[in-house]
Amino acid sequence: MSEGLITWESVKKKGSEHYKSAGGVEPIDLYRSLGILDSFALGSIIKYASRMARAGVNRKDCEKIRHYADILTAGIKG
């Protein structure tokens, strides 16, 4: 995937496997259908950034922030 071409499908592929249940609804799809996905993603970015401000910068939290930023980017039209 080249930079700037973030799609909903690519975001979903990167998500954690424990959220992908056979035949079930993934939380991220529920948030999207309810129109609260942006708020969820922004809240998650704030959560991980705040944790790093207290505990120090680490790769895992940086990757989570990037994942939630990708969710926001995938939702931008045009």
PDB file of N, CA and C in Angstrom:
ATOM      1  N   MET A   1       0.853  -1.175   0.000  1.00  0.00           N
ATOM      2  CA  MET A   1       0.000   0.000   0.000  1.00  0.00           C
ATOM      3  C   MET A   1       0.890   1.227   0.000  1.00  0.00           C
ATOM      4  N   SER A   2       0.683   2.110  -0.946  1.00  0.00           N
ATOM      5  CA  SER A   2       1.500   3.312  -0.995  1.00  0.00           C
ATOM      6  C   SER A   2       0.936   4.366  -0.059  1.00  0.00           C
ATOM      7  N   GLU A   3       1.800   5.252   0.363  1.00  0.00           N
ATOM      8  CA  GLU A   3       1.423   6.310   1.294  1.00  0.00           C
ATOM      9  C   GLU A   3       0.313   7.156   0.681  1.00  0.00           C
ATOM     10  N   GLY A   4      -0.718   7.467   1.443  1.00  0.00           N
ATOM     11  CA  GLY A   4      -1.809   8.293   0.971  1.00  0.00           C
ATOM     12  C   GLY A   4      -2.984   7.506   0.410  1.00  0.00           C
ATOM     13  N   LEU A   5      -2.831   6.204   0.192  1.00  0.00           N
ATOM     14  CA  LEU A   5      -3.912   5.382  -0.340  1.00  0.00           C
ATOM     15  C   LEU A   5      -4.440   4.439   0.730  1.00  0.00           C
ATOM     16  N   ILE A   6      -4.935   5.002   1.796  1.00  0.00           N
ATOM     17  CA  ILE A   6      -5.461   4.198   2.893  1.00  0.00           C
ATOM     18  C   ILE A   6      -6.944   3.973   2.647  1.00  0.00           C
ATOM     19  N   THR A   7      -7.324   2.715   2.560  1.00  0.00           N
ATOM     20  CA  THR A   7      -8.720   2.362   2.315  1.00  0.00           C
ATOM     21  C   THR A   7      -9.291   1.669   3.548  1.00  0.00           C
ATOM     22  N   TRP A   8     -10.605   1.605   3.594  1.00  0.00           N
ATOM     23  CA  TRP A   8     -11.273   0.921   4.700  1.00  0.00           C
ATOM     24  C   TRP A   8     -10.847  -0.543   4.740  1.00  0.00           C
ATOM     25  N   GLU A   9     -10.726  -1.164   3.586  1.00  0.00           N
ATOM     26  CA  GLU A   9     -10.333  -2.571   3.515  1.00  0.00           C
ATOM     27  C   GLU A   9      -8.928  -2.779   4.078  1.00  0.00           C
ATOM     28  N   SER A  10      -8.011  -1.863   3.764  1.00  0.00           N
ATOM     29  CA  SER A  10      -6.640  -2.004   4.277  1.00  0.00           C
ATOM     30  C   SER A  10      -6.587  -1.796   5.787  1.00  0.00           C
ATOM     31  N   VAL A  11      -7.402  -0.900   6.296  1.00  0.00           N
ATOM     32  CA  VAL A  11      -7.462  -0.672   7.741  1.00  0.00           C
ATOM     33  C   VAL A  11      -7.988  -1.922   8.441  1.00  0.00           C
ATOM     34  N   LYS A  12      -9.034  -2.511   7.888  1.00  0.00           N
ATOM     35  CA  LYS A  12      -9.624  -3.705   8.511  1.00  0.00           C
ATOM     36  C   LYS A  12      -8.656  -4.879   8.515  1.00  0.00           C
ATOM     37  N   LYS A  13      -7.840  -5.013   7.480  1.00  0.00           N
ATOM     38  CA  LYS A  13      -6.869  -6.108   7.418  1.00  0.00           C
ATOM     39  C   LYS A  13      -5.813  -5.980   8.507  1.00  0.00           C
ATOM     40  N   LYS A  14      -5.490  -4.734   8.892  1.00  0.00           N
ATOM     41  CA  LYS A  14      -4.453  -4.506   9.896  1.00  0.00           C
ATOM     42  C   LYS A  14      -4.951  -4.685  11.319  1.00  0.00           C
ATOM     43  N   GLY A  15      -6.243  -4.762  11.516  1.00  0.00           N
ATOM     44  CA  GLY A  15      -6.790  -4.873  12.865  1.00  0.00           C
ATOM     45  C   GLY A  15      -6.419  -6.175  13.553  1.00  0.00           C
ATOM     46  N   SER A  16      -6.558  -6.186  14.862  1.00  0.00           N
ATOM     47  CA  SER A  16      -6.228  -7.366  15.665  1.00  0.00           C
ATOM     48  C   SER A  16      -7.154  -8.531  15.351  1.00  0.00           C
ATOM     49  N   GLU A  17      -6.586  -9.716  15.308  1.00  0.00           N
ATOM     50  CA  GLU A  17      -7.352 -10.922  14.993  1.00  0.00           C
ATOM     51  C   GLU A  17      -8.423 -11.230  16.043  1.00  0.00           C
ATOM     52  N   HIS A  18      -8.194 -10.868  17.303  1.00  0.00           N
ATOM     53  CA  HIS A  18      -9.174 -11.221  18.331  1.00  0.00           C
ATOM     54  C   HIS A  18     -10.488 -10.460  18.190  1.00  0.00           C
ATOM     55  N   TYR A  19     -10.528  -9.443  17.322  1.00  0.00           N
ATOM     56  CA  TYR A  19     -11.780  -8.744  17.062  1.00  0.00           C
ATOM     57  C   TYR A  19     -12.518  -9.312  15.860  1.00  0.00           C
ATOM     58  N   LYS A  20     -11.897 -10.237  15.156  1.00  0.00           N
ATOM     59  CA  LYS A  20     -12.483 -10.791  13.938  1.00  0.00           C
ATOM     60  C   LYS A  20     -13.130 -12.133  14.238  1.00  0.00           C
ATOM     61  N   SER A  21     -14.399 -12.096  14.581  1.00  0.00           N
ATOM     62  CA  SER A  21     -15.099 -13.339  14.922  1.00  0.00           C
ATOM     63  C   SER A  21     -15.846 -13.871  13.705  1.00  0.00           C
ATOM     64  N   ALA A  22     -15.909 -15.170  13.600  1.00  0.00           N
ATOM     65  CA  ALA A  22     -16.605 -15.812  12.483  1.00  0.00           C
ATOM     66  C   ALA A  22     -18.098 -15.526  12.577  1.00  0.00           C
ATOM     67  N   GLY A  23     -18.611 -14.807  11.614  1.00  0.00           N
ATOM     68  CA  GLY A  23     -20.039 -14.532  11.566  1.00  0.00           C
ATOM     69  C   GLY A  23     -20.516 -13.432  12.498  1.00  0.00           C
ATOM     70  N   GLY A  24     -19.647 -12.916  13.349  1.00  0.00           N
ATOM     71  CA  GLY A  24     -20.026 -11.868  14.286  1.00  0.00           C
ATOM     72  C   GLY A  24     -19.779 -10.480  13.726  1.00  0.00           C
ATOM     73  N   VAL A  25     -20.196  -9.493  14.471  1.00  0.00           N
ATOM     74  CA  VAL A  25     -19.984  -8.109  14.082  1.00  0.00           C
ATOM     75  C   VAL A  25     -18.731  -7.598  14.781  1.00  0.00           C
ATOM     76  N   GLU A  26     -17.821  -7.039  14.001  1.00  0.00           N
ATOM     77  CA  GLU A  26     -16.627  -6.450  14.590  1.00  0.00           C
ATOM     78  C   GLU A  26     -16.991  -5.094  15.188  1.00  0.00           C
ATOM     79  N   PRO A  27     -16.436  -4.755  16.347  1.00  0.00           N
ATOM     80  CA  PRO A  27     -16.745  -3.466  16.961  1.00  0.00           C
ATOM     81  C   PRO A  27     -16.515  -2.284  16.021  1.00  0.00           C
ATOM     82  N   ILE A  28     -15.446  -2.329  15.239  1.00  0.00           N
ATOM     83  CA  ILE A  28     -15.138  -1.210  14.350  1.00  0.00           C
ATOM     84  C   ILE A  28     -16.244  -1.007  13.307  1.00  0.00           C
ATOM     85  N   ASP A  29     -16.860  -2.102  12.850  1.00  0.00           N
ATOM     86  CA  ASP A  29     -17.975  -1.983  11.907  1.00  0.00           C
ATOM     87  C   ASP A  29     -19.207  -1.392  12.584  1.00  0.00           C
ATOM     88  N   LEU A  30     -19.422  -1.757  13.836  1.00  0.00           N
ATOM     89  CA  LEU A  30     -20.538  -1.197  14.592  1.00  0.00           C
ATOM     90  C   LEU A  30     -20.357   0.307  14.773  1.00  0.00           C
ATOM     91  N   TYR A  31     -19.151   0.733  15.174  1.00  0.00           N
ATOM     92  CA  TYR A  31     -18.881   2.163  15.352  1.00  0.00           C
ATOM     93  C   TYR A  31     -19.091   2.917  14.041  1.00  0.00           C
ATOM     94  N   ARG A  32     -18.658   2.305  12.957  1.00  0.00           N
ATOM     95  CA  ARG A  32     -18.807   2.943  11.646  1.00  0.00           C
ATOM     96  C   ARG A  32     -20.283   3.081  11.282  1.00  0.00           C
ATOM     97  N   SER A  33     -21.062   2.016  11.493  1.00  0.00           N
ATOM     98  CA  SER A  33     -22.480   2.059  11.125  1.00  0.00           C
ATOM     99  C   SER A  33     -23.273   3.038  11.992  1.00  0.00           C
ATOM    100  N   LEU A  34     -22.826   3.246  13.223  1.00  0.00           N
ATOM    101  CA  LEU A  34     -23.497   4.193  14.119  1.00  0.00           C
ATOM    102  C   LEU A  34     -23.040   5.635  13.909  1.00  0.00           C
ATOM    103  N   GLY A  35     -22.023   5.825  13.059  1.00  0.00           N
ATOM    104  CA  GLY A  35     -21.518   7.166  12.781  1.00  0.00           C
ATOM    105  C   GLY A  35     -20.624   7.724  13.872  1.00  0.00           C
ATOM    106  N   ILE A  36     -20.047   6.843  14.693  1.00  0.00           N
ATOM    107  CA  ILE A  36     -19.196   7.311  15.792  1.00  0.00           C
ATOM    108  C   ILE A  36     -17.743   6.863  15.639  1.00  0.00           C
ATOM    109  N   LEU A  37     -17.391   6.383  14.450  1.00  0.00           N
ATOM    110  CA  LEU A  37     -16.041   5.860  14.240  1.00  0.00           C
ATOM    111  C   LEU A  37     -14.971   6.934  14.426  1.00  0.00           C
ATOM    112  N   ASP A  38     -15.201   8.141  13.902  1.00  0.00           N
ATOM    113  CA  ASP A  38     -14.214   9.213  14.061  1.00  0.00           C
ATOM    114  C   ASP A  38     -13.990   9.541  15.534  1.00  0.00           C
ATOM    115  N   SER A  39     -15.074   9.643  16.295  1.00  0.00           N
ATOM    116  CA  SER A  39     -14.946   9.941  17.726  1.00  0.00           C
ATOM    117  C   SER A  39     -14.205   8.828  18.456  1.00  0.00           C
ATOM    118  N   PHE A  40     -14.505   7.581  18.108  1.00  0.00           N
ATOM    119  CA  PHE A  40     -13.811   6.445  18.713  1.00  0.00           C
ATOM    120  C   PHE A  40     -12.321   6.496  18.389  1.00  0.00           C
ATOM    121  N   ALA A  41     -11.984   6.741  17.124  1.00  0.00           N
ATOM    122  CA  ALA A  41     -10.578   6.780  16.712  1.00  0.00           C
ATOM    123  C   ALA A  41      -9.841   7.935  17.390  1.00  0.00           C
ATOM    124  N   LEU A  42     -10.454   9.109  17.436  1.00  0.00           N
ATOM    125  CA  LEU A  42      -9.815  10.257  18.096  1.00  0.00           C
ATOM    126  C   LEU A  42      -9.608   9.993  19.583  1.00  0.00           C
ATOM    127  N   GLY A  43     -10.610   9.416  20.231  1.00  0.00           N
ATOM    128  CA  GLY A  43     -10.477   9.075  21.647  1.00  0.00           C
ATOM    129  C   GLY A  43      -9.360   8.079  21.891  1.00  0.00           C
ATOM    130  N   SER A  44      -9.219   7.118  20.992  1.00  0.00           N
ATOM    131  CA  SER A  44      -8.156   6.120  21.126  1.00  0.00           C
ATOM    132  C   SER A  44      -6.782   6.746  20.929  1.00  0.00           C
ATOM    133  N   ILE A  45      -6.664   7.667  19.979  1.00  0.00           N
ATOM    134  CA  ILE A  45      -5.396   8.373  19.766  1.00  0.00           C
ATOM    135  C   ILE A  45      -5.016   9.144  21.024  1.00  0.00           C
ATOM    136  N   ILE A  46      -5.986   9.845  21.602  1.00  0.00           N
ATOM    137  CA  ILE A  46      -5.728  10.612  22.831  1.00  0.00           C
ATOM    138  C   ILE A  46      -5.318   9.678  23.965  1.00  0.00           C
ATOM    139  N   LYS A  47      -5.994   8.541  24.083  1.00  0.00           N
ATOM    140  CA  LYS A  47      -5.678   7.581  25.145  1.00  0.00           C
ATOM    141  C   LYS A  47      -4.230   7.113  25.053  1.00  0.00           C
ATOM    142  N   TYR A  48      -3.807   6.670  23.872  1.00  0.00           N
ATOM    143  CA  TYR A  48      -2.444   6.145  23.733  1.00  0.00           C
ATOM    144  C   TYR A  48      -1.393   7.247  23.830  1.00  0.00           C
ATOM    145  N   ALA A  49      -1.695   8.444  23.326  1.00  0.00           N
ATOM    146  CA  ALA A  49      -0.750   9.556  23.443  1.00  0.00           C
ATOM    147  C   ALA A  49      -0.591   9.970  24.907  1.00  0.00           C
ATOM    148  N   SER A  50      -1.690   9.993  25.647  1.00  0.00           N
ATOM    149  CA  SER A  50      -1.627  10.342  27.073  1.00  0.00           C
ATOM    150  C   SER A  50      -0.834   9.309  27.855  1.00  0.00           C
ATOM    151  N   ARG A  51      -1.029   8.044  27.511  1.00  0.00           N
ATOM    152  CA  ARG A  51      -0.281   6.989  28.190  1.00  0.00           C
ATOM    153  C   ARG A  51       1.218   7.142  27.924  1.00  0.00           C
ATOM    154  N   MET A  52       1.576   7.475  26.691  1.00  0.00           N
ATOM    155  CA  MET A  52       2.997   7.663  26.387  1.00  0.00           C
ATOM    156  C   MET A  52       3.563   8.895  27.081  1.00  0.00           C
ATOM    157  N   ALA A  53       2.743   9.919  27.271  1.00  0.00           N
ATOM    158  CA  ALA A  53       3.213  11.109  27.985  1.00  0.00           C
ATOM    159  C   ALA A  53       3.577  10.766  29.425  1.00  0.00           C
ATOM    160  N   ARG A  54       2.851   9.817  30.017  1.00  0.00           N
ATOM    161  CA  ARG A  54       3.128   9.390  31.390  1.00  0.00           C
ATOM    162  C   ARG A  54       4.231   8.342  31.464  1.00  0.00           C
ATOM    163  N   ALA A  55       4.161   7.341  30.592  1.00  0.00           N
ATOM    164  CA  ALA A  55       5.023   6.161  30.717  1.00  0.00           C
ATOM    165  C   ALA A  55       6.202   6.143  29.755  1.00  0.00           C
ATOM    166  N   GLY A  56       6.226   7.051  28.814  1.00  0.00           N
ATOM    167  CA  GLY A  56       7.307   7.086  27.837  1.00  0.00           C
ATOM    168  C   GLY A  56       6.869   6.551  26.482  1.00  0.00           C
ATOM    169  N   VAL A  57       7.546   7.029  25.469  1.00  0.00           N
ATOM    170  CA  VAL A  57       7.227   6.642  24.098  1.00  0.00           C
ATOM    171  C   VAL A  57       7.656   5.197  23.859  1.00  0.00           C
ATOM    172  N   ASN A  58       6.767   4.426  23.247  1.00  0.00           N
ATOM    173  CA  ASN A  58       7.098   3.039  22.914  1.00  0.00           C
ATOM    174  C   ASN A  58       6.479   2.676  21.572  1.00  0.00           C
ATOM    175  N   ARG A  59       7.095   1.712  20.918  1.00  0.00           N
ATOM    176  CA  ARG A  59       6.696   1.330  19.558  1.00  0.00           C
ATOM    177  C   ARG A  59       5.244   0.840  19.487  1.00  0.00           C
ATOM    178  N   LYS A  60       4.822   0.024  20.428  1.00  0.00           N
ATOM    179  CA  LYS A  60       3.479  -0.562  20.377  1.00  0.00           C
ATOM    180  C   LYS A  60       2.395   0.520  20.401  1.00  0.00           C
ATOM    181  N   ASP A  61       2.523   1.482  21.301  1.00  0.00           N
ATOM    182  CA  ASP A  61       1.526   2.550  21.366  1.00  0.00           C
ATOM    183  C   ASP A  61       1.600   3.451  20.138  1.00  0.00           C
ATOM    184  N   CYS A  62       2.801   3.692  19.613  1.00  0.00           N
ATOM    185  CA  CYS A  62       2.938   4.477  18.379  1.00  0.00           C
ATOM    186  C   CYS A  62       2.222   3.786  17.222  1.00  0.00           C
ATOM    187  N   GLU A  63       2.359   2.471  17.141  1.00  0.00           N
ATOM    188  CA  GLU A  63       1.686   1.715  16.083  1.00  0.00           C
ATOM    189  C   GLU A  63       0.171   1.772  16.242  1.00  0.00           C
ATOM    190  N   LYS A  64      -0.313   1.753  17.477  1.00  0.00           N
ATOM    191  CA  LYS A  64      -1.758   1.859  17.706  1.00  0.00           C
ATOM    192  C   LYS A  64      -2.263   3.237  17.292  1.00  0.00           C
ATOM    193  N   ILE A  65      -1.511   4.278  17.636  1.00  0.00           N
ATOM    194  CA  ILE A  65      -1.898   5.631  17.227  1.00  0.00           C
ATOM    195  C   ILE A  65      -1.955   5.720  15.706  1.00  0.00           C
ATOM    196  N   ARG A  66      -0.967   5.159  15.046  1.00  0.00           N
ATOM    197  CA  ARG A  66      -0.955   5.186  13.579  1.00  0.00           C
ATOM    198  C   ARG A  66      -2.169   4.434  13.015  1.00  0.00           C
ATOM    199  N   HIS A  67      -2.518   3.296  13.610  1.00  0.00           N
ATOM    200  CA  HIS A  67      -3.682   2.528  13.156  1.00  0.00           C
ATOM    201  C   HIS A  67      -4.958   3.369  13.267  1.00  0.00           C
ATOM    202  N   TYR A  68      -5.141   4.055  14.390  1.00  0.00           N
ATOM    203  CA  TYR A  68      -6.340   4.876  14.552  1.00  0.00           C
ATOM    204  C   TYR A  68      -6.310   6.095  13.638  1.00  0.00           C
ATOM    205  N   ALA A  69      -5.124   6.641  13.362  1.00  0.00           N
ATOM    206  CA  ALA A  69      -5.006   7.731  12.387  1.00  0.00           C
ATOM    207  C   ALA A  69      -5.358   7.221  10.988  1.00  0.00           C
ATOM    208  N   ASP A  70      -4.969   5.987  10.679  1.00  0.00           N
ATOM    209  CA  ASP A  70      -5.337   5.382   9.392  1.00  0.00           C
ATOM    210  C   ASP A  70      -6.850   5.218   9.280  1.00  0.00           C
ATOM    211  N   ILE A  71      -7.505   4.880  10.382  1.00  0.00           N
ATOM    212  CA  ILE A  71      -8.967   4.772  10.379  1.00  0.00           C
ATOM    213  C   ILE A  71      -9.578   6.119  10.010  1.00  0.00           C
ATOM    214  N   LEU A  72      -9.066   7.191  10.604  1.00  0.00           N
ATOM    215  CA  LEU A  72      -9.570   8.530  10.275  1.00  0.00           C
ATOM    216  C   LEU A  72      -9.312   8.866   8.814  1.00  0.00           C
ATOM    217  N   THR A  73      -8.107   8.568   8.341  1.00  0.00           N
ATOM    218  CA  THR A  73      -7.733   8.868   6.960  1.00  0.00           C
ATOM    219  C   THR A  73      -8.602   8.100   5.970  1.00  0.00           C
ATOM    220  N   ALA A  74      -8.907   6.845   6.269  1.00  0.00           N
ATOM    221  CA  ALA A  74      -9.723   6.024   5.370  1.00  0.00           C
ATOM    222  C   ALA A  74     -11.130   6.589   5.224  1.00  0.00           C
ATOM    223  N   GLY A  75     -11.590   7.318   6.222  1.00  0.00           N
ATOM    224  CA  GLY A  75     -12.937   7.877   6.175  1.00  0.00           C
ATOM    225  C   GLY A  75     -13.044   9.214   5.468  1.00  0.00           C
ATOM    226  N   ILE A  76     -11.901   9.792   5.083  1.00  0.00           N
ATOM    227  CA  ILE A  76     -11.907  11.095   4.411  1.00  0.00           C
ATOM    228  C   ILE A  76     -12.252  10.908   2.942  1.00  0.00           C
ATOM    229  N   LYS A  77     -13.221  11.638   2.489  1.00  0.00           N
ATOM    230  CA  LYS A  77     -13.624  11.576   1.081  1.00  0.00           C
ATOM    231  C   LYS A  77     -12.869  12.649   0.301  1.00  0.00           C
ATOM    232  N   GLY A  78     -12.323  12.259  -0.843  1.00  0.00           N
ATOM    233  CA  GLY A  78     -11.647  13.211  -1.730  1.00  0.00           C
ATOM    234  C   GLY A  78     -10.296  13.438  -1.298  1.00  0.00           C
TER     235      GLY A  78
END
